[in-house]
Amino acid sequence: MAQRAADDYGGAMASFYDEFKGPDHNEDPREKGYIAFDGWHASTEGIAVQADVLHALGYDAIVP
């Protein structure tokens, strides 16, 4: 639904869920190394995937 709204109004949509779980949503992000040891937060690899998704939408990295 969010993707459809973004399409209808010309907005960008970043789906970390799609990236973490795969296009058919049947992949395990833990097996891919995207989830940290706590089982909840993104790992370093997962954060890199999120950054790649945002970069693909045209967002630049903010480096302090």
Protein backbone atom coordinates (compact mmCIF):
# COMPACT_ATOMS: atom_id res chain seq x y z
CA MET A 1 0.00 0.00 0.00
CA ALA A 2 2.81 2.44 0.84
CA GLN A 3 4.52 1.69 -2.47
CA ARG A 4 1.31 2.41 -4.34
CA ALA A 5 0.91 5.74 -2.54
CA ALA A 6 4.51 6.67 -3.36
CA ASP A 7 3.91 5.77 -7.01
CA ASP A 8 0.64 7.72 -7.15
CA TYR A 9 2.20 10.88 -5.72
CA GLY A 10 5.64 10.62 -7.31
CA GLY A 11 7.43 9.94 -4.06
CA ALA A 12 10.32 7.64 -3.31
CA MET A 13 9.82 4.46 -1.32
CA ALA A 14 12.56 2.52 0.42
CA SER A 15 11.58 -0.99 1.42
CA PHE A 16 14.16 -2.37 3.77
CA TYR A 17 11.82 -5.33 4.25
CA ASP A 18 12.18 -6.26 0.57
CA GLU A 19 15.95 -5.92 0.74
CA PHE A 20 16.27 -7.94 3.93
CA LYS A 21 13.71 -10.66 3.09
CA GLY A 22 14.23 -10.81 -0.70
CA PRO A 23 11.78 -10.10 -3.52
CA ASP A 24 9.51 -13.00 -2.53
CA HIS A 25 9.91 -12.31 1.21
CA ASN A 26 11.14 -15.84 1.83
CA GLU A 27 14.80 -15.18 2.68
CA ASP A 28 16.13 -15.10 6.24
CA PRO A 29 17.99 -11.86 6.98
CA ARG A 30 19.77 -13.57 9.89
CA GLU A 31 21.26 -16.12 7.50
CA LYS A 32 22.35 -13.27 5.24
CA GLY A 33 24.13 -11.62 8.18
CA TYR A 34 21.87 -8.56 8.20
CA ILE A 35 20.73 -8.93 11.84
CA ALA A 36 22.97 -8.19 14.82
CA PHE A 37 23.73 -10.56 17.68
CA ASP A 38 20.79 -9.20 19.69
CA GLY A 39 18.38 -10.64 17.10
CA TRP A 40 16.61 -7.33 16.65
CA HIS A 41 18.84 -4.57 15.27
CA ALA A 42 20.61 -4.44 11.92
CA SER A 43 24.19 -5.64 11.83
CA THR A 44 26.98 -3.72 10.14
CA GLU A 45 26.13 -5.59 6.94
CA GLY A 46 22.44 -4.79 7.36
CA ILE A 47 23.18 -1.12 7.88
CA ALA A 48 25.26 -1.14 4.68
CA VAL A 49 22.26 -2.63 2.82
CA GLN A 50 20.02 0.13 4.19
CA ALA A 51 22.54 2.77 3.10
CA ASP A 52 22.66 1.24 -0.39
CA VAL A 53 18.86 1.40 -0.66
CA LEU A 54 18.82 5.06 0.32
CA HIS A 55 21.73 5.84 -1.98
CA ALA A 56 19.85 4.23 -4.89
CA LEU A 57 16.99 6.66 -4.20
CA GLY A 58 19.39 9.57 -4.52
CA TYR A 59 20.20 10.24 -0.88
CA ASP A 60 23.81 11.01 -0.07
CA ALA A 61 25.54 9.66 3.00
CA ILE A 62 25.95 12.01 5.95
CA VAL A 63 29.40 11.56 7.39
CA PRO A 64 30.18 13.52 10.54
